[in-house]
N, C-alpha and C. Protein backbone atom coordinates (compact mmCIF):
# COMPACT_ATOMS: atom_id res chain seq x y z
N MET A 1 37.12 -13.15 -45.21
CA MET A 1 35.77 -13.62 -45.38
C MET A 1 35.19 -14.12 -44.06
N ARG A 2 36.01 -14.85 -43.35
CA ARG A 2 35.56 -15.41 -42.10
C ARG A 2 35.26 -14.30 -41.08
N GLY A 3 36.08 -13.28 -41.03
CA GLY A 3 35.88 -12.16 -40.11
C GLY A 3 34.63 -11.37 -40.45
N SER A 4 34.33 -11.22 -41.73
CA SER A 4 33.13 -10.48 -42.11
C SER A 4 31.88 -11.27 -41.78
N ALA A 5 31.94 -12.59 -41.88
CA ALA A 5 30.78 -13.42 -41.52
C ALA A 5 30.53 -13.32 -40.03
N LEU A 6 31.59 -13.32 -39.24
CA LEU A 6 31.46 -13.18 -37.80
C LEU A 6 30.88 -11.81 -37.45
N PHE A 7 31.33 -10.78 -38.15
CA PHE A 7 30.83 -9.43 -37.94
C PHE A 7 29.34 -9.36 -38.25
N ILE A 8 28.92 -10.01 -39.34
CA ILE A 8 27.51 -10.00 -39.72
C ILE A 8 26.66 -10.72 -38.68
N VAL A 9 27.16 -11.84 -38.17
CA VAL A 9 26.41 -12.59 -37.15
C VAL A 9 26.28 -11.76 -35.87
N VAL A 10 27.36 -11.12 -35.45
CA VAL A 10 27.31 -10.28 -34.26
C VAL A 10 26.37 -9.10 -34.47
N ALA A 11 26.39 -8.50 -35.63
CA ALA A 11 25.50 -7.38 -35.93
C ALA A 11 24.04 -7.81 -35.89
N ILE A 12 23.74 -8.99 -36.42
CA ILE A 12 22.36 -9.49 -36.41
C ILE A 12 21.91 -9.75 -34.97
N ILE A 13 22.78 -10.34 -34.16
CA ILE A 13 22.44 -10.61 -32.76
C ILE A 13 22.19 -9.30 -32.00
N LEU A 14 23.06 -8.32 -32.21
CA LEU A 14 22.88 -7.03 -31.53
C LEU A 14 21.62 -6.32 -32.00
N ALA A 15 21.32 -6.43 -33.27
CA ALA A 15 20.09 -5.82 -33.78
C ALA A 15 18.86 -6.48 -33.19
N ALA A 16 18.94 -7.77 -32.94
CA ALA A 16 17.80 -8.48 -32.36
C ALA A 16 17.67 -8.20 -30.87
N VAL A 17 18.79 -8.02 -30.19
CA VAL A 17 18.78 -7.84 -28.74
C VAL A 17 18.54 -6.40 -28.34
N SER A 18 18.94 -5.43 -29.13
CA SER A 18 18.85 -4.03 -28.73
C SER A 18 17.42 -3.56 -28.44
N PRO A 19 16.38 -3.96 -29.20
CA PRO A 19 15.03 -3.54 -28.81
C PRO A 19 14.61 -4.11 -27.45
N VAL A 20 15.06 -5.33 -27.16
CA VAL A 20 14.73 -5.93 -25.88
C VAL A 20 15.40 -5.15 -24.75
N LEU A 21 16.66 -4.78 -24.94
CA LEU A 21 17.37 -3.99 -23.94
C LEU A 21 16.75 -2.62 -23.78
N ALA A 22 16.34 -2.01 -24.89
CA ALA A 22 15.70 -0.69 -24.82
C ALA A 22 14.37 -0.78 -24.07
N ALA A 23 13.60 -1.83 -24.33
CA ALA A 23 12.33 -2.00 -23.63
C ALA A 23 12.57 -2.23 -22.15
N ASP A 24 13.64 -3.00 -21.83
CA ASP A 24 13.96 -3.25 -20.43
C ASP A 24 14.38 -1.95 -19.73
N LEU A 25 15.16 -1.13 -20.39
CA LEU A 25 15.57 0.16 -19.82
C LEU A 25 14.36 1.07 -19.62
N GLU A 26 13.43 1.02 -20.54
CA GLU A 26 12.21 1.84 -20.41
C GLU A 26 11.38 1.37 -19.22
N THR A 27 11.30 0.07 -19.02
CA THR A 27 10.59 -0.48 -17.87
C THR A 27 11.25 -0.04 -16.57
N ILE A 28 12.57 -0.10 -16.54
CA ILE A 28 13.30 0.33 -15.34
C ILE A 28 13.09 1.82 -15.11
N ALA A 29 13.12 2.60 -16.19
CA ALA A 29 12.92 4.05 -16.07
C ALA A 29 11.54 4.35 -15.49
N ARG A 30 10.52 3.67 -15.96
CA ARG A 30 9.16 3.90 -15.45
C ARG A 30 9.05 3.48 -13.98
N ASP A 31 9.75 2.41 -13.63
CA ASP A 31 9.75 1.98 -12.23
C ASP A 31 10.40 3.04 -11.34
N ILE A 32 11.49 3.61 -11.80
CA ILE A 32 12.16 4.67 -11.03
C ILE A 32 11.26 5.90 -10.95
N GLU A 33 10.61 6.25 -12.04
CA GLU A 33 9.71 7.40 -12.05
C GLU A 33 8.55 7.20 -11.06
N SER A 34 8.10 5.97 -10.92
CA SER A 34 7.01 5.68 -9.98
C SER A 34 7.50 5.66 -8.54
N SER A 35 8.81 5.59 -8.35
CA SER A 35 9.38 5.53 -7.00
C SER A 35 9.78 6.89 -6.47
N LEU A 36 9.75 7.91 -7.31
CA LEU A 36 10.19 9.24 -6.90
C LEU A 36 9.03 10.23 -6.89
N ILE A 37 9.04 11.12 -5.91
CA ILE A 37 8.07 12.21 -5.83
C ILE A 37 8.68 13.42 -6.53
N CYS A 38 7.89 14.07 -7.34
CA CYS A 38 8.37 15.28 -8.01
C CYS A 38 8.59 16.37 -6.96
N TYR A 39 9.71 17.03 -7.02
CA TYR A 39 10.04 18.03 -6.01
C TYR A 39 9.65 19.43 -6.44
N CYS A 40 8.70 19.54 -7.38
CA CYS A 40 8.20 20.86 -7.78
C CYS A 40 7.19 21.39 -6.77
N GLY A 41 6.69 20.50 -5.90
CA GLY A 41 5.73 20.93 -4.89
C GLY A 41 4.35 20.33 -5.10
N CYS A 42 4.16 19.59 -6.17
CA CYS A 42 2.83 19.03 -6.46
C CYS A 42 2.56 17.75 -5.69
N THR A 43 3.55 17.12 -5.10
CA THR A 43 3.48 15.87 -4.35
C THR A 43 2.95 14.70 -5.17
N MET A 44 3.18 14.72 -6.46
CA MET A 44 2.82 13.60 -7.33
C MET A 44 4.09 12.82 -7.65
N VAL A 45 3.90 11.53 -8.01
CA VAL A 45 5.06 10.78 -8.47
C VAL A 45 5.47 11.31 -9.82
N VAL A 46 6.74 11.17 -10.14
CA VAL A 46 7.29 11.72 -11.38
C VAL A 46 6.57 11.13 -12.59
N ALA A 47 6.17 9.87 -12.51
CA ALA A 47 5.49 9.22 -13.63
C ALA A 47 4.17 9.90 -13.96
N SER A 48 3.51 10.50 -12.97
CA SER A 48 2.20 11.12 -13.18
C SER A 48 2.27 12.62 -13.38
N CYS A 49 3.32 13.25 -12.91
CA CYS A 49 3.43 14.71 -12.97
C CYS A 49 3.75 15.16 -14.39
N SER A 50 3.20 16.28 -14.79
CA SER A 50 3.42 16.78 -16.15
C SER A 50 4.15 18.13 -16.17
N CYS A 51 4.76 18.50 -15.04
CA CYS A 51 5.44 19.79 -14.99
C CYS A 51 6.83 19.69 -15.62
N GLY A 52 7.46 20.81 -15.78
CA GLY A 52 8.79 20.85 -16.38
C GLY A 52 9.83 20.16 -15.52
N THR A 53 9.66 20.24 -14.20
CA THR A 53 10.60 19.57 -13.30
C THR A 53 10.55 18.07 -13.49
N ALA A 54 9.34 17.53 -13.64
CA ALA A 54 9.20 16.08 -13.86
C ALA A 54 9.83 15.68 -15.19
N GLU A 55 9.69 16.52 -16.20
CA GLU A 55 10.32 16.23 -17.50
C GLU A 55 11.84 16.18 -17.36
N GLN A 56 12.40 17.11 -16.57
CA GLN A 56 13.85 17.11 -16.34
C GLN A 56 14.29 15.86 -15.59
N ILE A 57 13.49 15.46 -14.61
CA ILE A 57 13.83 14.25 -13.84
C ILE A 57 13.78 13.03 -14.74
N ARG A 58 12.74 12.94 -15.59
CA ARG A 58 12.63 11.80 -16.51
C ARG A 58 13.83 11.74 -17.45
N ALA A 59 14.22 12.90 -17.98
CA ALA A 59 15.38 12.94 -18.88
C ALA A 59 16.65 12.54 -18.13
N ASP A 60 16.79 13.00 -16.90
CA ASP A 60 17.97 12.66 -16.09
C ASP A 60 18.01 11.16 -15.80
N ILE A 61 16.86 10.57 -15.50
CA ILE A 61 16.80 9.13 -15.23
C ILE A 61 17.25 8.34 -16.46
N ARG A 62 16.73 8.70 -17.62
CA ARG A 62 17.11 7.98 -18.86
C ARG A 62 18.59 8.18 -19.19
N GLN A 63 19.10 9.38 -18.93
CA GLN A 63 20.52 9.65 -19.18
C GLN A 63 21.38 8.80 -18.24
N ARG A 64 20.98 8.69 -16.98
CA ARG A 64 21.75 7.88 -16.03
C ARG A 64 21.68 6.40 -16.39
N LEU A 65 20.51 5.94 -16.84
CA LEU A 65 20.40 4.54 -17.25
C LEU A 65 21.27 4.26 -18.46
N ALA A 66 21.29 5.19 -19.40
CA ALA A 66 22.13 5.02 -20.59
C ALA A 66 23.62 5.02 -20.23
N ALA A 67 23.96 5.73 -19.15
CA ALA A 67 25.35 5.78 -18.70
C ALA A 67 25.74 4.52 -17.92
N GLY A 68 24.78 3.65 -17.63
CA GLY A 68 25.09 2.39 -16.98
C GLY A 68 24.73 2.30 -15.52
N GLU A 69 24.13 3.34 -14.95
CA GLU A 69 23.72 3.28 -13.55
C GLU A 69 22.50 2.38 -13.43
N ASP A 70 22.38 1.71 -12.29
CA ASP A 70 21.20 0.87 -12.07
C ASP A 70 20.18 1.60 -11.20
N ARG A 71 19.06 0.96 -10.97
CA ARG A 71 17.94 1.57 -10.26
C ARG A 71 18.35 2.06 -8.87
N ASP A 72 19.03 1.21 -8.12
CA ASP A 72 19.41 1.57 -6.75
C ASP A 72 20.37 2.76 -6.72
N ASP A 73 21.29 2.82 -7.68
CA ASP A 73 22.23 3.95 -7.73
C ASP A 73 21.50 5.26 -8.00
N ILE A 74 20.56 5.21 -8.93
CA ILE A 74 19.81 6.43 -9.28
C ILE A 74 18.97 6.90 -8.10
N LEU A 75 18.26 5.96 -7.45
CA LEU A 75 17.45 6.34 -6.29
C LEU A 75 18.33 6.87 -5.16
N ALA A 76 19.48 6.24 -4.96
CA ALA A 76 20.40 6.70 -3.90
C ALA A 76 20.91 8.11 -4.20
N ALA A 77 21.17 8.41 -5.48
CA ALA A 77 21.64 9.74 -5.84
C ALA A 77 20.56 10.79 -5.56
N TYR A 78 19.31 10.48 -5.86
CA TYR A 78 18.22 11.42 -5.58
C TYR A 78 18.00 11.59 -4.08
N VAL A 79 18.10 10.49 -3.33
CA VAL A 79 17.96 10.59 -1.88
C VAL A 79 19.10 11.40 -1.29
N ALA A 80 20.32 11.21 -1.80
CA ALA A 80 21.46 11.98 -1.30
C ALA A 80 21.28 13.47 -1.59
N GLN A 81 20.69 13.79 -2.73
CA GLN A 81 20.53 15.19 -3.11
C GLN A 81 19.32 15.85 -2.44
N TYR A 82 18.18 15.13 -2.35
CA TYR A 82 16.94 15.75 -1.89
C TYR A 82 16.41 15.18 -0.57
N GLY A 83 17.02 14.14 -0.06
CA GLY A 83 16.57 13.54 1.19
C GLY A 83 15.53 12.45 0.96
N ASP A 84 15.11 11.81 2.05
CA ASP A 84 14.15 10.71 1.97
C ASP A 84 12.77 11.14 1.47
N THR A 85 12.48 12.44 1.53
CA THR A 85 11.15 12.90 1.12
C THR A 85 10.93 12.77 -0.38
N VAL A 86 11.99 12.51 -1.15
CA VAL A 86 11.83 12.36 -2.59
C VAL A 86 11.32 10.96 -2.94
N LEU A 87 11.38 10.03 -1.99
CA LEU A 87 10.89 8.67 -2.25
C LEU A 87 9.38 8.61 -2.11
N ALA A 88 8.74 7.90 -3.03
CA ALA A 88 7.29 7.78 -3.00
C ALA A 88 6.83 6.89 -1.85
N TYR A 89 7.65 5.98 -1.43
CA TYR A 89 7.34 5.11 -0.31
C TYR A 89 8.62 4.91 0.49
N PRO A 90 8.49 4.77 1.81
CA PRO A 90 9.70 4.65 2.63
C PRO A 90 10.44 3.35 2.37
N ASP A 91 11.75 3.40 2.49
CA ASP A 91 12.59 2.23 2.30
C ASP A 91 12.50 1.36 3.55
N PRO A 92 12.01 0.11 3.44
CA PRO A 92 11.85 -0.71 4.64
C PRO A 92 13.17 -1.15 5.26
N ALA A 93 14.30 -0.95 4.57
CA ALA A 93 15.59 -1.35 5.13
C ALA A 93 16.05 -0.38 6.22
N VAL A 94 15.55 0.84 6.21
CA VAL A 94 15.91 1.82 7.22
C VAL A 94 15.05 1.56 8.46
N PRO A 95 15.66 1.40 9.64
CA PRO A 95 14.88 1.02 10.83
C PRO A 95 13.72 1.96 11.15
N PHE A 96 13.92 3.27 11.05
CA PHE A 96 12.81 4.18 11.35
C PHE A 96 11.69 4.01 10.33
N ASN A 97 12.03 3.84 9.06
CA ASN A 97 11.00 3.67 8.03
C ASN A 97 10.28 2.34 8.16
N LEU A 98 10.93 1.37 8.78
CA LEU A 98 10.28 0.09 9.00
C LEU A 98 9.03 0.26 9.86
N THR A 99 9.06 1.23 10.76
CA THR A 99 7.87 1.48 11.58
C THR A 99 6.71 1.97 10.73
N ALA A 100 6.99 2.69 9.67
CA ALA A 100 5.92 3.16 8.78
C ALA A 100 5.24 1.99 8.08
N TRP A 101 5.96 0.91 7.88
CA TRP A 101 5.39 -0.28 7.25
C TRP A 101 4.69 -1.18 8.26
N VAL A 102 5.20 -1.23 9.49
CA VAL A 102 4.71 -2.20 10.47
C VAL A 102 3.59 -1.63 11.35
N MET A 103 3.68 -0.37 11.73
CA MET A 103 2.74 0.20 12.69
C MET A 103 1.27 0.14 12.26
N PRO A 104 0.92 0.38 11.02
CA PRO A 104 -0.50 0.26 10.67
C PRO A 104 -1.06 -1.14 10.93
N PHE A 105 -0.26 -2.16 10.62
CA PHE A 105 -0.73 -3.53 10.85
C PHE A 105 -0.81 -3.83 12.35
N LEU A 106 0.17 -3.35 13.11
CA LEU A 106 0.12 -3.54 14.56
C LEU A 106 -1.06 -2.80 15.17
N GLY A 107 -1.35 -1.60 14.65
CA GLY A 107 -2.49 -0.84 15.16
C GLY A 107 -3.81 -1.55 14.91
N VAL A 108 -3.97 -2.11 13.72
CA VAL A 108 -5.20 -2.85 13.39
C VAL A 108 -5.31 -4.09 14.27
N ALA A 109 -4.19 -4.80 14.44
CA ALA A 109 -4.21 -6.01 15.28
C ALA A 109 -4.53 -5.65 16.73
N ALA A 110 -3.92 -4.58 17.25
CA ALA A 110 -4.18 -4.18 18.63
C ALA A 110 -5.64 -3.73 18.80
N GLY A 111 -6.15 -2.97 17.84
CA GLY A 111 -7.55 -2.54 17.90
C GLY A 111 -8.51 -3.71 17.84
N GLY A 112 -8.24 -4.67 16.97
CA GLY A 112 -9.09 -5.86 16.87
C GLY A 112 -9.07 -6.67 18.15
N THR A 113 -7.89 -6.80 18.74
CA THR A 113 -7.77 -7.52 20.01
C THR A 113 -8.54 -6.81 21.11
N LEU A 114 -8.42 -5.50 21.18
CA LEU A 114 -9.14 -4.72 22.18
C LEU A 114 -10.65 -4.88 22.01
N ILE A 115 -11.12 -4.78 20.80
CA ILE A 115 -12.56 -4.94 20.54
C ILE A 115 -13.03 -6.34 20.93
N PHE A 116 -12.24 -7.36 20.61
CA PHE A 116 -12.58 -8.74 20.96
C PHE A 116 -12.76 -8.88 22.47
N PHE A 117 -11.78 -8.39 23.25
CA PHE A 117 -11.87 -8.54 24.70
C PHE A 117 -12.98 -7.69 25.30
N LEU A 118 -13.23 -6.51 24.75
CA LEU A 118 -14.34 -5.68 25.26
C LEU A 118 -15.69 -6.35 25.02
N VAL A 119 -15.89 -6.86 23.83
CA VAL A 119 -17.16 -7.52 23.51
C VAL A 119 -17.33 -8.76 24.38
N ARG A 120 -16.26 -9.50 24.56
CA ARG A 120 -16.33 -10.71 25.39
C ARG A 120 -16.69 -10.34 26.83
N ALA A 121 -16.12 -9.26 27.35
CA ALA A 121 -16.43 -8.83 28.71
C ALA A 121 -17.88 -8.37 28.81
N TRP A 122 -18.36 -7.64 27.81
CA TRP A 122 -19.76 -7.19 27.83
C TRP A 122 -20.73 -8.37 27.80
N VAL A 123 -20.42 -9.36 26.98
CA VAL A 123 -21.30 -10.54 26.90
C VAL A 123 -21.30 -11.28 28.23
N ARG A 124 -20.14 -11.47 28.82
CA ARG A 124 -20.07 -12.15 30.13
C ARG A 124 -20.84 -11.36 31.19
N ASN A 125 -20.69 -10.04 31.18
CA ASN A 125 -21.39 -9.20 32.14
C ASN A 125 -22.89 -9.33 31.95
N TYR A 126 -23.35 -9.33 30.73
CA TYR A 126 -24.78 -9.47 30.45
C TYR A 126 -25.28 -10.83 30.92
N ARG A 127 -24.53 -11.89 30.63
CA ARG A 127 -24.95 -13.23 31.06
C ARG A 127 -24.98 -13.34 32.59
N ASP A 128 -23.99 -12.76 33.24
CA ASP A 128 -23.96 -12.82 34.70
C ASP A 128 -25.15 -12.08 35.30
N ARG A 129 -25.47 -10.89 34.80
CA ARG A 129 -26.63 -10.15 35.31
C ARG A 129 -27.93 -10.89 35.03
N ARG A 130 -28.02 -11.50 33.86
CA ARG A 130 -29.23 -12.24 33.52
C ARG A 130 -29.39 -13.45 34.43
N ASP A 131 -28.29 -14.14 34.71
CA ASP A 131 -28.36 -15.31 35.58
C ASP A 131 -28.71 -14.91 37.01
N GLU A 132 -28.19 -13.77 37.48
CA GLU A 132 -28.50 -13.29 38.83
C GLU A 132 -29.97 -12.90 38.95
N ALA A 133 -30.52 -12.33 37.89
CA ALA A 133 -31.92 -11.91 37.93
C ALA A 133 -32.84 -13.11 38.01
N GLY A 134 -32.38 -14.22 37.45
CA GLY A 134 -33.16 -15.44 37.54
C GLY A 134 -34.16 -15.57 36.41
N GLU A 135 -34.62 -16.79 36.25
CA GLU A 135 -35.54 -17.09 35.16
C GLU A 135 -36.93 -16.51 35.42
N ALA A 136 -37.36 -16.41 36.69
CA ALA A 136 -38.72 -15.93 37.00
C ALA A 136 -38.90 -14.50 36.56
N GLU A 137 -37.93 -13.65 36.86
CA GLU A 137 -38.04 -12.25 36.49
C GLU A 137 -38.02 -12.09 34.97
N GLU A 138 -37.17 -12.90 34.30
CA GLU A 138 -37.10 -12.83 32.84
C GLU A 138 -38.44 -13.25 32.23
N GLY A 139 -39.06 -14.26 32.80
CA GLY A 139 -40.36 -14.70 32.32
C GLY A 139 -41.42 -13.64 32.52
N MET A 140 -41.30 -12.88 33.64
CA MET A 140 -42.26 -11.82 33.92
C MET A 140 -42.21 -10.75 32.82
N PHE A 141 -41.02 -10.37 32.40
CA PHE A 141 -40.90 -9.38 31.34
C PHE A 141 -41.46 -9.92 30.03
N ASP A 142 -41.21 -11.19 29.75
CA ASP A 142 -41.74 -11.78 28.53
C ASP A 142 -43.26 -11.76 28.54
N ASP A 143 -43.88 -12.10 29.68
CA ASP A 143 -45.35 -12.09 29.77
C ASP A 143 -45.90 -10.69 29.60
N LYS A 144 -45.24 -9.72 30.22
CA LYS A 144 -45.69 -8.34 30.15
C LYS A 144 -45.72 -7.86 28.70
N TYR A 145 -44.66 -8.11 27.95
CA TYR A 145 -44.60 -7.65 26.57
C TYR A 145 -45.51 -8.47 25.65
N ARG A 146 -45.67 -9.75 25.95
CA ARG A 146 -46.55 -10.58 25.15
C ARG A 146 -47.99 -10.09 25.29
N ARG A 147 -48.40 -9.79 26.53
CA ARG A 147 -49.76 -9.29 26.75
C ARG A 147 -49.98 -7.96 26.02
N ARG A 148 -49.00 -7.08 26.08
CA ARG A 148 -49.13 -5.78 25.42
C ARG A 148 -49.23 -5.95 23.90
N ALA A 149 -48.43 -6.85 23.34
CA ALA A 149 -48.49 -7.10 21.90
C ALA A 149 -49.84 -7.67 21.50
N GLU A 150 -50.39 -8.58 22.31
CA GLU A 150 -51.70 -9.16 22.00
C GLU A 150 -52.79 -8.09 22.03
N GLU A 151 -52.73 -7.16 22.99
CA GLU A 151 -53.73 -6.10 23.06
C GLU A 151 -53.65 -5.19 21.83
N GLU A 152 -52.44 -4.87 21.40
CA GLU A 152 -52.31 -4.02 20.23
C GLU A 152 -52.78 -4.74 18.96
N TRP A 153 -52.55 -6.03 18.87
CA TRP A 153 -53.02 -6.80 17.73
C TRP A 153 -54.54 -6.77 17.68
N LYS A 154 -55.17 -6.85 18.84
CA LYS A 154 -56.62 -6.84 18.89
C LYS A 154 -57.18 -5.51 18.41
N ASP A 155 -56.48 -4.42 18.74
CA ASP A 155 -56.94 -3.09 18.34
C ASP A 155 -56.90 -2.93 16.81
N TYR A 156 -55.96 -3.52 16.17
CA TYR A 156 -55.79 -3.29 14.73
C TYR A 156 -56.36 -4.38 13.86
N PHE A 157 -56.52 -5.58 14.38
CA PHE A 157 -57.00 -6.68 13.52
C PHE A 157 -58.19 -7.34 14.08
């Protein structure tokens, strides 16, 4: 009697936990599908591709998960078989791939720095030329344009 009660309790616990485990495996499977490029030639991630090759990959992923392999093992097996090009995004742990993650940010920072220094130099150059020309010449241009604007205003109003 005692053994059957224990069996019933274990069965109830497993029945309650199995949907959670199945949902977790499905989440892991979708994550793996989003991490792999379909090698049929369409260059889509497996999660989005609807070709027969993607269906085979999805079935293989679920079969491997059911066999007890984890995400990293499955991705490593696909990389070993098809190379790094099967990954949807480069692995940042690989030194060469780290450049793919870092270089865009370094390029933007370098470009922003270059633009900052160029604009600063242009502004300084403009101020220096304006100061060399002196206030009298600057006032002369202001008077010239003011007179012209007043004449045009008179013509129209």
